[in-house]
Amino acid sequence: MAQPRILILGAPGAGKGTQSAKITEEFGVDHITTGDALRSNKEMDISDMDTEYDTPGEYMDQGELVPDDVVNAIVDEALSQADGFVLDGYPRNLEQAEELKDMTDLDVVLYLDVGEEELVHRLTGRRLDPETGDIYHVEYNPPEDPEVEDRLEQRDDDTEETVRERLSVFHENTEPVIEYYDEQGDLERIDGEQAPDAVWDEVKATIEDTA
Protein backbone atom coordinates (compact mmCIF):
# COMPACT_ATOMS: atom_id res chain seq x y z
CA MET A 1 0.00 0.00 0.00
CA ALA A 2 1.25 3.47 -0.88
CA GLN A 3 1.41 5.85 2.04
CA PRO A 4 -2.24 6.82 2.63
CA ARG A 5 -3.64 10.34 2.93
CA ILE A 6 -5.95 10.27 5.93
CA LEU A 7 -8.21 12.84 7.54
CA ILE A 8 -9.29 12.11 11.12
CA LEU A 9 -12.28 13.92 12.60
CA GLY A 10 -13.78 13.90 16.08
CA ALA A 11 -14.77 16.09 18.99
CA PRO A 12 -12.36 17.09 21.76
CA GLY A 13 -11.77 13.97 23.84
CA ALA A 14 -12.66 11.54 21.05
CA GLY A 15 -9.11 10.15 20.93
CA LYS A 16 -7.78 11.67 17.70
CA GLY A 17 -4.30 12.19 19.13
CA THR A 18 -4.01 8.62 20.41
CA GLN A 19 -5.17 7.09 17.14
CA SER A 20 -3.14 9.50 14.99
CA ALA A 21 0.04 8.43 16.80
CA LYS A 22 -0.75 4.77 16.07
CA ILE A 23 -1.53 5.57 12.42
CA THR A 24 1.76 7.44 12.06
CA GLU A 25 3.72 4.49 13.43
CA GLU A 26 1.83 1.75 11.56
CA PHE A 27 1.63 3.36 8.13
CA GLY A 28 4.77 5.52 8.12
CA VAL A 29 2.95 8.79 7.45
CA ASP A 30 3.31 12.30 8.87
CA HIS A 31 0.99 13.50 11.64
CA ILE A 32 -0.06 16.98 10.57
CA THR A 33 -1.91 19.21 13.02
CA THR A 34 -2.72 22.87 12.52
CA GLY A 35 -0.86 23.77 15.71
CA ASP A 36 2.33 21.99 14.63
CA ALA A 37 2.04 23.35 11.10
CA LEU A 38 1.70 26.91 12.42
CA ARG A 39 4.66 26.51 14.77
CA SER A 40 6.79 25.03 11.97
CA ASN A 41 5.94 27.91 9.63
CA LYS A 42 5.96 30.86 12.04
CA GLU A 43 8.33 32.79 9.79
CA MET A 44 6.50 32.03 6.52
CA ASP A 45 6.29 35.16 4.33
CA ILE A 46 2.60 36.06 3.93
CA SER A 47 3.17 39.68 2.95
CA ASP A 48 1.47 39.04 -0.41
CA MET A 49 -1.81 38.02 1.29
CA ASP A 50 -2.94 41.49 2.33
CA THR A 51 -2.94 40.53 6.03
CA GLU A 52 -2.29 42.65 9.10
CA TYR A 53 1.05 40.96 9.75
CA ASP A 54 3.74 39.60 7.43
CA THR A 55 4.25 36.24 9.20
CA PRO A 56 1.98 33.81 11.10
CA GLY A 57 4.30 34.13 14.09
CA GLU A 58 3.33 37.76 14.56
CA TYR A 59 -0.33 36.77 15.03
CA MET A 60 0.72 34.07 17.49
CA ASP A 61 3.01 36.41 19.42
CA GLN A 62 0.14 38.89 19.79
CA GLY A 63 -2.20 36.13 20.97
CA GLU A 64 -4.45 36.71 17.97
CA LEU A 65 -6.21 34.09 15.86
CA VAL A 66 -4.39 33.36 12.64
CA PRO A 67 -6.77 34.15 9.71
CA ASP A 68 -8.28 31.22 7.80
CA ASP A 69 -6.48 32.22 4.60
CA VAL A 70 -3.13 31.94 6.36
CA VAL A 71 -4.02 28.62 8.03
CA ASN A 72 -5.11 27.27 4.65
CA ALA A 73 -1.80 28.27 3.07
CA ILE A 74 0.20 26.67 5.88
CA VAL A 75 -1.75 23.41 5.77
CA ASP A 76 -1.34 23.33 1.98
CA GLU A 77 2.41 23.75 2.40
CA ALA A 78 2.60 20.99 5.04
CA LEU A 79 0.58 18.56 2.91
CA SER A 80 2.70 19.26 -0.16
CA GLN A 81 5.81 18.16 1.75
CA ALA A 82 4.32 14.86 2.95
CA ASP A 83 4.22 11.62 0.96
CA GLY A 84 1.41 10.40 3.21
CA PHE A 85 -0.26 11.92 6.25
CA VAL A 86 -2.91 11.84 8.91
CA LEU A 87 -4.44 15.31 9.13
CA ASP A 88 -5.80 16.18 12.58
CA GLY A 89 -7.55 19.43 13.58
CA TYR A 90 -8.31 20.68 10.07
CA PRO A 91 -10.75 21.40 8.48
CA ARG A 92 -12.69 23.05 11.31
CA ASN A 93 -15.45 24.49 9.12
CA LEU A 94 -17.05 24.03 5.71
CA GLU A 95 -14.96 26.74 4.07
CA GLN A 96 -11.78 24.93 5.10
CA ALA A 97 -13.21 21.62 3.87
CA GLU A 98 -13.72 23.18 0.44
CA GLU A 99 -10.15 24.49 0.51
CA LEU A 100 -8.83 21.06 1.47
CA LYS A 101 -10.57 19.53 -1.55
CA ASP A 102 -8.42 21.75 -3.78
CA MET A 103 -5.21 20.90 -1.87
CA THR A 104 -5.20 17.11 -1.99
CA ASP A 105 -7.14 13.92 -2.71
CA LEU A 106 -7.93 12.07 0.52
CA ASP A 107 -7.84 8.27 0.67
CA VAL A 108 -9.74 7.90 3.95
CA VAL A 109 -11.91 10.18 6.12
CA LEU A 110 -12.25 8.74 9.62
CA TYR A 111 -14.75 10.00 12.19
CA LEU A 112 -14.32 8.90 15.80
CA ASP A 113 -17.93 8.86 16.99
CA VAL A 114 -18.28 9.42 20.76
CA GLY A 115 -21.40 10.52 22.63
CA GLU A 116 -21.57 13.90 24.36
CA GLU A 117 -21.70 12.64 27.96
CA GLU A 118 -18.79 10.25 27.40
CA LEU A 119 -16.74 13.15 26.00
CA VAL A 120 -17.57 15.26 29.07
CA HIS A 121 -16.63 12.35 31.35
CA ARG A 122 -13.30 11.85 29.59
CA LEU A 123 -12.30 15.51 29.55
CA THR A 124 -13.44 16.51 33.04
CA GLY A 125 -11.65 13.46 34.46
CA ARG A 126 -8.26 14.48 33.09
CA ARG A 127 -5.63 15.60 35.58
CA LEU A 128 -2.22 17.22 35.10
CA ASP A 129 0.94 16.51 37.08
CA PRO A 130 2.37 20.06 37.36
CA GLU A 131 5.88 18.73 38.04
CA THR A 132 6.22 16.46 35.00
CA GLY A 133 3.49 17.67 32.64
CA ASP A 134 2.11 14.11 32.42
CA ILE A 135 -1.64 13.73 31.88
CA TYR A 136 -3.69 11.18 33.84
CA HIS A 137 -7.37 10.33 34.18
CA VAL A 138 -9.06 9.78 37.53
CA GLU A 139 -10.80 6.62 36.23
CA TYR A 140 -9.06 5.39 33.08
CA ASN A 141 -5.44 6.17 33.87
CA PRO A 142 -4.77 7.06 37.53
CA PRO A 143 -1.15 7.29 38.72
CA GLU A 144 0.21 4.38 40.73
CA ASP A 145 2.25 6.65 43.02
CA PRO A 146 0.13 8.20 45.82
CA GLU A 147 2.45 11.23 45.92
CA VAL A 148 1.77 11.91 42.24
CA GLU A 149 -1.96 11.47 42.84
CA ASP A 150 -1.89 14.04 45.64
CA ARG A 151 -0.38 16.77 43.46
CA LEU A 152 -2.57 16.31 40.39
CA GLU A 153 -4.50 19.34 39.19
CA GLN A 154 -7.45 19.87 36.88
CA ARG A 155 -6.64 22.28 34.06
CA ASP A 156 -8.91 25.27 33.60
CA ASP A 157 -9.99 24.05 30.16
CA ASP A 158 -11.08 20.68 31.61
CA THR A 159 -13.80 22.00 33.92
CA GLU A 160 -17.30 20.92 32.96
CA GLU A 161 -18.41 24.44 32.01
CA THR A 162 -15.42 24.93 29.70
CA VAL A 163 -15.69 21.43 28.24
CA ARG A 164 -19.35 21.89 27.34
CA GLU A 165 -18.52 25.23 25.71
CA ARG A 166 -15.75 23.61 23.65
CA LEU A 167 -18.15 20.86 22.56
CA SER A 168 -20.76 23.48 21.65
CA VAL A 169 -18.22 25.22 19.40
CA PHE A 170 -17.34 21.86 17.83
CA HIS A 171 -20.99 21.07 17.11
CA GLU A 172 -21.57 24.47 15.56
CA ASN A 173 -18.45 24.63 13.38
CA THR A 174 -17.30 21.09 12.67
CA GLU A 175 -20.43 18.94 12.58
CA PRO A 176 -21.28 20.45 9.15
CA VAL A 177 -17.85 19.17 8.01
CA ILE A 178 -18.79 15.66 9.14
CA GLU A 179 -22.11 15.91 7.27
CA TYR A 180 -20.23 17.22 4.20
CA TYR A 181 -18.04 14.11 3.97
CA ASP A 182 -20.94 11.83 4.90
CA GLU A 183 -23.09 13.20 2.06
CA GLN A 184 -20.22 12.59 -0.36
CA GLY A 185 -20.04 8.97 0.77
CA ASP A 186 -16.47 9.40 2.02
CA LEU A 187 -17.03 9.22 5.80
CA GLU A 188 -15.95 6.10 7.70
CA ARG A 189 -17.55 6.09 11.17
CA ILE A 190 -15.54 4.47 13.95
CA ASP A 191 -17.10 3.58 17.31
CA GLY A 192 -14.89 5.75 19.50
CA GLU A 193 -16.48 4.56 22.76
CA GLN A 194 -14.71 1.20 22.60
CA ALA A 195 -11.49 0.54 24.49
CA PRO A 196 -8.54 2.30 22.74
CA ASP A 197 -7.11 -1.00 21.41
CA ALA A 198 -10.49 -1.95 19.93
CA VAL A 199 -10.80 1.50 18.35
CA TRP A 200 -7.35 1.03 16.85
CA ASP A 201 -8.24 -2.39 15.42
CA GLU A 202 -11.23 -0.80 13.66
CA VAL A 203 -9.21 2.23 12.48
CA LYS A 204 -6.41 0.03 11.10
CA ALA A 205 -8.81 -2.32 9.29
CA THR A 206 -10.74 0.62 7.82
CA ILE A 207 -7.58 2.24 6.43
CA GLU A 208 -6.35 -1.06 4.98
CA ASP A 209 -9.74 -1.74 3.36
CA THR A 210 -10.31 1.79 2.04
CA ALA A 211 -6.94 3.33 1.15
C-alpha atoms as a PDB file:
ATOM      1  CA  MET A   1       0.000   0.000   0.000  1.00  0.00           C
ATOM      2  CA  ALA A   2       1.250   3.466  -0.877  1.00  0.00           C
ATOM      3  CA  GLN A   3       1.405   5.851   2.036  1.00  0.00           C
ATOM      4  CA  PRO A   4      -2.240   6.821   2.634  1.00  0.00           C
ATOM      5  CA  ARG A   5      -3.638  10.343   2.933  1.00  0.00           C
ATOM      6  CA  ILE A   6      -5.949  10.270   5.925  1.00  0.00           C
ATOM      7  CA  LEU A   7      -8.215  12.838   7.542  1.00  0.00           C
ATOM      8  CA  ILE A   8      -9.285  12.114  11.119  1.00  0.00           C
ATOM      9  CA  LEU A   9     -12.284  13.922  12.595  1.00  0.00           C
ATOM     10  CA  GLY A  10     -13.781  13.895  16.080  1.00  0.00           C
ATOM     11  CA  ALA A  11     -14.769  16.088  18.986  1.00  0.00           C
ATOM     12  CA  PRO A  12     -12.356  17.092  21.757  1.00  0.00           C
ATOM     13  CA  GLY A  13     -11.774  13.974  23.843  1.00  0.00           C
ATOM     14  CA  ALA A  14     -12.656  11.537  21.050  1.00  0.00           C
ATOM     15  CA  GLY A  15      -9.108  10.150  20.933  1.00  0.00           C
ATOM     16  CA  LYS A  16      -7.783  11.667  17.702  1.00  0.00           C
ATOM     17  CA  GLY A  17      -4.297  12.195  19.128  1.00  0.00           C
ATOM     18  CA  THR A  18      -4.010   8.617  20.415  1.00  0.00           C
ATOM     19  CA  GLN A  19      -5.174   7.088  17.138  1.00  0.00           C
ATOM     20  CA  SER A  20      -3.138   9.497  14.991  1.00  0.00           C
ATOM     21  CA  ALA A  21       0.038   8.429  16.802  1.00  0.00           C
ATOM     22  CA  LYS A  22      -0.749   4.773  16.065  1.00  0.00           C
ATOM     23  CA  ILE A  23      -1.534   5.568  12.416  1.00  0.00           C
ATOM     24  CA  THR A  24       1.756   7.440  12.059  1.00  0.00           C
ATOM     25  CA  GLU A  25       3.723   4.495  13.427  1.00  0.00           C
ATOM     26  CA  GLU A  26       1.833   1.753  11.563  1.00  0.00           C
ATOM     27  CA  PHE A  27       1.627   3.363   8.127  1.00  0.00           C
ATOM     28  CA  GLY A  28       4.773   5.522   8.123  1.00  0.00           C
ATOM     29  CA  VAL A  29       2.948   8.794   7.449  1.00  0.00           C
ATOM     30  CA  ASP A  30       3.310  12.295   8.874  1.00  0.00           C
ATOM     31  CA  HIS A  31       0.992  13.499  11.637  1.00  0.00           C
ATOM     32  CA  ILE A  32      -0.059  16.984  10.567  1.00  0.00           C
ATOM     33  CA  THR A  33      -1.908  19.213  13.019  1.00  0.00           C
ATOM     34  CA  THR A  34      -2.716  22.874  12.516  1.00  0.00           C
ATOM     35  CA  GLY A  35      -0.856  23.774  15.705  1.00  0.00           C
ATOM     36  CA  ASP A  36       2.332  21.986  14.634  1.00  0.00           C
ATOM     37  CA  ALA A  37       2.040  23.350  11.103  1.00  0.00           C
ATOM     38  CA  LEU A  38       1.702  26.907  12.420  1.00  0.00           C
ATOM     39  CA  ARG A  39       4.657  26.509  14.769  1.00  0.00           C
ATOM     40  CA  SER A  40       6.787  25.034  11.965  1.00  0.00           C
ATOM     41  CA  ASN A  41       5.938  27.912   9.629  1.00  0.00           C
ATOM     42  CA  LYS A  42       5.964  30.863  12.037  1.00  0.00           C
ATOM     43  CA  GLU A  43       8.328  32.794   9.787  1.00  0.00           C
ATOM     44  CA  MET A  44       6.503  32.026   6.522  1.00  0.00           C
ATOM     45  CA  ASP A  45       6.290  35.155   4.333  1.00  0.00           C
ATOM     46  CA  ILE A  46       2.603  36.056   3.934  1.00  0.00           C
ATOM     47  CA  SER A  47       3.167  39.680   2.955  1.00  0.00           C
ATOM     48  CA  ASP A  48       1.471  39.043  -0.409  1.00  0.00           C
ATOM     49  CA  MET A  49      -1.812  38.016   1.287  1.00  0.00           C
ATOM     50  CA  ASP A  50      -2.940  41.495   2.335  1.00  0.00           C
ATOM     51  CA  THR A  51      -2.940  40.531   6.026  1.00  0.00           C
ATOM     52  CA  GLU A  52      -2.285  42.649   9.095  1.00  0.00           C
ATOM     53  CA  TYR A  53       1.054  40.964   9.746  1.00  0.00           C
ATOM     54  CA  ASP A  54       3.742  39.598   7.427  1.00  0.00           C
ATOM     55  CA  THR A  55       4.250  36.241   9.200  1.00  0.00           C
ATOM     56  CA  PRO A  56       1.980  33.805  11.096  1.00  0.00           C
ATOM     57  CA  GLY A  57       4.299  34.130  14.087  1.00  0.00           C
ATOM     58  CA  GLU A  58       3.328  37.760  14.565  1.00  0.00           C
ATOM     59  CA  TYR A  59      -0.327  36.767  15.028  1.00  0.00           C
ATOM     60  CA  MET A  60       0.723  34.075  17.486  1.00  0.00           C
ATOM     61  CA  ASP A  61       3.014  36.415  19.424  1.00  0.00           C
ATOM     62  CA  GLN A  62       0.139  38.887  19.786  1.00  0.00           C
ATOM     63  CA  GLY A  63      -2.197  36.126  20.969  1.00  0.00           C
ATOM     64  CA  GLU A  64      -4.455  36.713  17.974  1.00  0.00           C
ATOM     65  CA  LEU A  65      -6.212  34.092  15.858  1.00  0.00           C
ATOM     66  CA  VAL A  66      -4.389  33.358  12.637  1.00  0.00           C
ATOM     67  CA  PRO A  67      -6.766  34.147   9.708  1.00  0.00           C
ATOM     68  CA  ASP A  68      -8.277  31.221   7.804  1.00  0.00           C
ATOM     69  CA  ASP A  69      -6.478  32.216   4.602  1.00  0.00           C
ATOM     70  CA  VAL A  70      -3.133  31.935   6.363  1.00  0.00           C
ATOM     71  CA  VAL A  71      -4.024  28.625   8.035  1.00  0.00           C
ATOM     72  CA  ASN A  72      -5.107  27.267   4.651  1.00  0.00           C
ATOM     73  CA  ALA A  73      -1.802  28.266   3.068  1.00  0.00           C
ATOM     74  CA  ILE A  74       0.200  26.673   5.879  1.00  0.00           C
ATOM     75  CA  VAL A  75      -1.753  23.405   5.768  1.00  0.00           C
ATOM     76  CA  ASP A  76      -1.344  23.335   1.980  1.00  0.00           C
ATOM     77  CA  GLU A  77       2.410  23.752   2.402  1.00  0.00           C
ATOM     78  CA  ALA A  78       2.598  20.987   5.039  1.00  0.00           C
ATOM     79  CA  LEU A  79       0.580  18.563   2.908  1.00  0.00           C
ATOM     80  CA  SER A  80       2.699  19.257  -0.162  1.00  0.00           C
ATOM     81  CA  GLN A  81       5.814  18.160   1.749  1.00  0.00           C
ATOM     82  CA  ALA A  82       4.315  14.858   2.955  1.00  0.00           C
ATOM     83  CA  ASP A  83       4.219  11.618   0.956  1.00  0.00           C
ATOM     84  CA  GLY A  84       1.412  10.405   3.208  1.00  0.00           C
ATOM     85  CA  PHE A  85      -0.255  11.924   6.249  1.00  0.00           C
ATOM     86  CA  VAL A  86      -2.911  11.839   8.908  1.00  0.00           C
ATOM     87  CA  LEU A  87      -4.442  15.313   9.130  1.00  0.00           C
ATOM     88  CA  ASP A  88      -5.795  16.184  12.576  1.00  0.00           C
ATOM     89  CA  GLY A  89      -7.545  19.434  13.576  1.00  0.00           C
ATOM     90  CA  TYR A  90      -8.312  20.683  10.073  1.00  0.00           C
ATOM     91  CA  PRO A  91     -10.754  21.404   8.485  1.00  0.00           C
ATOM     92  CA  ARG A  92     -12.688  23.054  11.313  1.00  0.00           C
ATOM     93  CA  ASN A  93     -15.447  24.491   9.118  1.00  0.00           C
ATOM     94  CA  LEU A  94     -17.049  24.029   5.705  1.00  0.00           C
ATOM     95  CA  GLU A  95     -14.963  26.740   4.074  1.00  0.00           C
ATOM     96  CA  GLN A  96     -11.782  24.931   5.100  1.00  0.00           C
ATOM     97  CA  ALA A  97     -13.212  21.616   3.867  1.00  0.00           C
ATOM     98  CA  GLU A  98     -13.723  23.181   0.442  1.00  0.00           C
ATOM     99  CA  GLU A  99     -10.147  24.493   0.513  1.00  0.00           C
ATOM    100  CA  LEU A 100      -8.827  21.060   1.470  1.00  0.00           C
ATOM    101  CA  LYS A 101     -10.572  19.535  -1.547  1.00  0.00           C
ATOM    102  CA  ASP A 102      -8.416  21.746  -3.777  1.00  0.00           C
ATOM    103  CA  MET A 103      -5.214  20.902  -1.872  1.00  0.00           C
ATOM    104  CA  THR A 104      -5.203  17.105  -1.994  1.00  0.00           C
ATOM    105  CA  ASP A 105      -7.142  13.916  -2.708  1.00  0.00           C
ATOM    106  CA  LEU A 106      -7.935  12.074   0.523  1.00  0.00           C
ATOM    107  CA  ASP A 107      -7.839   8.274   0.668  1.00  0.00           C
ATOM    108  CA  VAL A 108      -9.736   7.902   3.946  1.00  0.00           C
ATOM    109  CA  VAL A 109     -11.907  10.178   6.116  1.00  0.00           C
ATOM    110  CA  LEU A 110     -12.255   8.738   9.618  1.00  0.00           C
ATOM    111  CA  TYR A 111     -14.748   9.996  12.194  1.00  0.00           C
ATOM    112  CA  LEU A 112     -14.317   8.898  15.803  1.00  0.00           C
ATOM    113  CA  ASP A 113     -17.927   8.861  16.993  1.00  0.00           C
ATOM    114  CA  VAL A 114     -18.284   9.422  20.758  1.00  0.00           C
ATOM    115  CA  GLY A 115     -21.400  10.520  22.633  1.00  0.00           C
ATOM    116  CA  GLU A 116     -21.566  13.898  24.364  1.00  0.00           C
ATOM    117  CA  GLU A 117     -21.696  12.639  27.955  1.00  0.00           C
ATOM    118  CA  GLU A 118     -18.793  10.252  27.402  1.00  0.00           C
ATOM    119  CA  LEU A 119     -16.736  13.150  26.005  1.00  0.00           C
ATOM    120  CA  VAL A 120     -17.569  15.256  29.066  1.00  0.00           C
ATOM    121  CA  HIS A 121     -16.634  12.348  31.345  1.00  0.00           C
ATOM    122  CA  ARG A 122     -13.303  11.852  29.592  1.00  0.00           C
ATOM    123  CA  LEU A 123     -12.303  15.515  29.549  1.00  0.00           C
ATOM    124  CA  THR A 124     -13.440  16.511  33.041  1.00  0.00           C
ATOM    125  CA  GLY A 125     -11.654  13.463  34.463  1.00  0.00           C
ATOM    126  CA  ARG A 126      -8.261  14.481  33.089  1.00  0.00           C
ATOM    127  CA  ARG A 127      -5.634  15.598  35.577  1.00  0.00           C
ATOM    128  CA  LEU A 128      -2.215  17.222  35.103  1.00  0.00           C
ATOM    129  CA  ASP A 129       0.940  16.511  37.081  1.00  0.00           C
ATOM    130  CA  PRO A 130       2.371  20.063  37.356  1.00  0.00           C
ATOM    131  CA  GLU A 131       5.885  18.731  38.037  1.00  0.00           C
ATOM    132  CA  THR A 132       6.222  16.455  34.999  1.00  0.00           C
ATOM    133  CA  GLY A 133       3.495  17.668  32.637  1.00  0.00           C
ATOM    134  CA  ASP A 134       2.113  14.113  32.422  1.00  0.00           C
ATOM    135  CA  ILE A 135      -1.639  13.725  31.884  1.00  0.00           C
ATOM    136  CA  TYR A 136      -3.688  11.180  33.843  1.00  0.00           C
ATOM    137  CA  HIS A 137      -7.373  10.333  34.176  1.00  0.00           C
ATOM    138  CA  VAL A 138      -9.063   9.782  37.530  1.00  0.00           C
ATOM    139  CA  GLU A 139     -10.795   6.623  36.232  1.00  0.00           C
ATOM    140  CA  TYR A 140      -9.064   5.388  33.080  1.00  0.00           C
ATOM    141  CA  ASN A 141      -5.437   6.165  33.869  1.00  0.00           C
ATOM    142  CA  PRO A 142      -4.770   7.057  37.530  1.00  0.00           C
ATOM    143  CA  PRO A 143      -1.145   7.291  38.717  1.00  0.00           C
ATOM    144  CA  GLU A 144       0.209   4.383  40.727  1.00  0.00           C
ATOM    145  CA  ASP A 145       2.251   6.648  43.018  1.00  0.00           C
ATOM    146  CA  PRO A 146       0.127   8.201  45.817  1.00  0.00           C
ATOM    147  CA  GLU A 147       2.451  11.229  45.917  1.00  0.00           C
ATOM    148  CA  VAL A 148       1.771  11.908  42.237  1.00  0.00           C
ATOM    149  CA  GLU A 149      -1.958  11.470  42.836  1.00  0.00           C
ATOM    150  CA  ASP A 150      -1.887  14.043  45.639  1.00  0.00           C
ATOM    151  CA  ARG A 151      -0.383  16.773  43.460  1.00  0.00           C
ATOM    152  CA  LEU A 152      -2.571  16.306  40.393  1.00  0.00           C
ATOM    153  CA  GLU A 153      -4.498  19.342  39.190  1.00  0.00           C
ATOM    154  CA  GLN A 154      -7.454  19.866  36.883  1.00  0.00           C
ATOM    155  CA  ARG A 155      -6.645  22.275  34.064  1.00  0.00           C
ATOM    156  CA  ASP A 156      -8.909  25.269  33.602  1.00  0.00           C
ATOM    157  CA  ASP A 157      -9.992  24.048  30.161  1.00  0.00           C
ATOM    158  CA  ASP A 158     -11.083  20.676  31.612  1.00  0.00           C
ATOM    159  CA  THR A 159     -13.797  22.004  33.922  1.00  0.00           C
ATOM    160  CA  GLU A 160     -17.302  20.924  32.961  1.00  0.00           C
ATOM    161  CA  GLU A 161     -18.408  24.438  32.006  1.00  0.00           C
ATOM    162  CA  THR A 162     -15.421  24.929  29.695  1.00  0.00           C
ATOM    163  CA  VAL A 163     -15.686  21.428  28.241  1.00  0.00           C
ATOM    164  CA  ARG A 164     -19.346  21.892  27.335  1.00  0.00           C
ATOM    165  CA  GLU A 165     -18.521  25.232  25.714  1.00  0.00           C
ATOM    166  CA  ARG A 166     -15.747  23.610  23.652  1.00  0.00           C
ATOM    167  CA  LEU A 167     -18.148  20.865  22.557  1.00  0.00           C
ATOM    168  CA  SER A 168     -20.762  23.479  21.648  1.00  0.00           C
ATOM    169  CA  VAL A 169     -18.220  25.221  19.403  1.00  0.00           C
ATOM    170  CA  PHE A 170     -17.335  21.860  17.835  1.00  0.00           C
ATOM    171  CA  HIS A 171     -20.989  21.069  17.112  1.00  0.00           C
ATOM    172  CA  GLU A 172     -21.567  24.466  15.558  1.00  0.00           C
ATOM    173  CA  ASN A 173     -18.447  24.634  13.378  1.00  0.00           C
ATOM    174  CA  THR A 174     -17.301  21.094  12.670  1.00  0.00           C
ATOM    175  CA  GLU A 175     -20.428  18.943  12.581  1.00  0.00           C
ATOM    176  CA  PRO A 176     -21.279  20.447   9.152  1.00  0.00           C
ATOM    177  CA  VAL A 177     -17.852  19.167   8.006  1.00  0.00           C
ATOM    178  CA  ILE A 178     -18.788  15.658   9.140  1.00  0.00           C
ATOM    179  CA  GLU A 179     -22.107  15.914   7.271  1.00  0.00           C
ATOM    180  CA  TYR A 180     -20.235  17.224   4.198  1.00  0.00           C
ATOM    181  CA  TYR A 181     -18.043  14.113   3.968  1.00  0.00           C
ATOM    182  CA  ASP A 182     -20.940  11.825   4.897  1.00  0.00           C
ATOM    183  CA  GLU A 183     -23.089  13.196   2.065  1.00  0.00           C
ATOM    184  CA  GLN A 184     -20.218  12.590  -0.358  1.00  0.00           C
ATOM    185  CA  GLY A 185     -20.040   8.973   0.773  1.00  0.00           C
ATOM    186  CA  ASP A 186     -16.470   9.398   2.024  1.00  0.00           C
ATOM    187  CA  LEU A 187     -17.026   9.215   5.804  1.00  0.00           C
ATOM    188  CA  GLU A 188     -15.946   6.103   7.701  1.00  0.00           C
ATOM    189  CA  ARG A 189     -17.548   6.086  11.167  1.00  0.00           C
ATOM    190  CA  ILE A 190     -15.539   4.470  13.950  1.00  0.00           C
ATOM    191  CA  ASP A 191     -17.104   3.583  17.310  1.00  0.00           C
ATOM    192  CA  GLY A 192     -14.891   5.754  19.501  1.00  0.00           C
ATOM    193  CA  GLU A 193     -16.477   4.560  22.755  1.00  0.00           C
ATOM    194  CA  GLN A 194     -14.709   1.205  22.598  1.00  0.00           C
ATOM    195  CA  ALA A 195     -11.486   0.545  24.488  1.00  0.00           C
ATOM    196  CA  PRO A 196      -8.544   2.296  22.743  1.00  0.00           C
ATOM    197  CA  ASP A 197      -7.114  -0.999  21.407  1.00  0.00           C
ATOM    198  CA  ALA A 198     -10.492  -1.952  19.928  1.00  0.00           C
ATOM    199  CA  VAL A 199     -10.800   1.503  18.354  1.00  0.00           C
ATOM    200  CA  TRP A 200      -7.353   1.029  16.855  1.00  0.00           C
ATOM    201  CA  ASP A 201      -8.240  -2.388  15.418  1.00  0.00           C
ATOM    202  CA  GLU A 202     -11.230  -0.804  13.656  1.00  0.00           C
ATOM    203  CA  VAL A 203      -9.215   2.229  12.483  1.00  0.00           C
ATOM    204  CA  LYS A 204      -6.408   0.031  11.097  1.00  0.00           C
ATOM    205  CA  ALA A 205      -8.807  -2.315   9.291  1.00  0.00           C
ATOM    206  CA  THR A 206     -10.743   0.615   7.817  1.00  0.00           C
ATOM    207  CA  ILE A 207      -7.577   2.237   6.435  1.00  0.00           C
ATOM    208  CA  GLU A 208      -6.352  -1.061   4.981  1.00  0.00           C
ATOM    209  CA  ASP A 209      -9.737  -1.743   3.360  1.00  0.00           C
ATOM    210  CA  THR A 210     -10.307   1.793   2.044  1.00  0.00           C
ATOM    211  CA  ALA A 211      -6.944   3.335   1.152  1.00  0.00           C
END
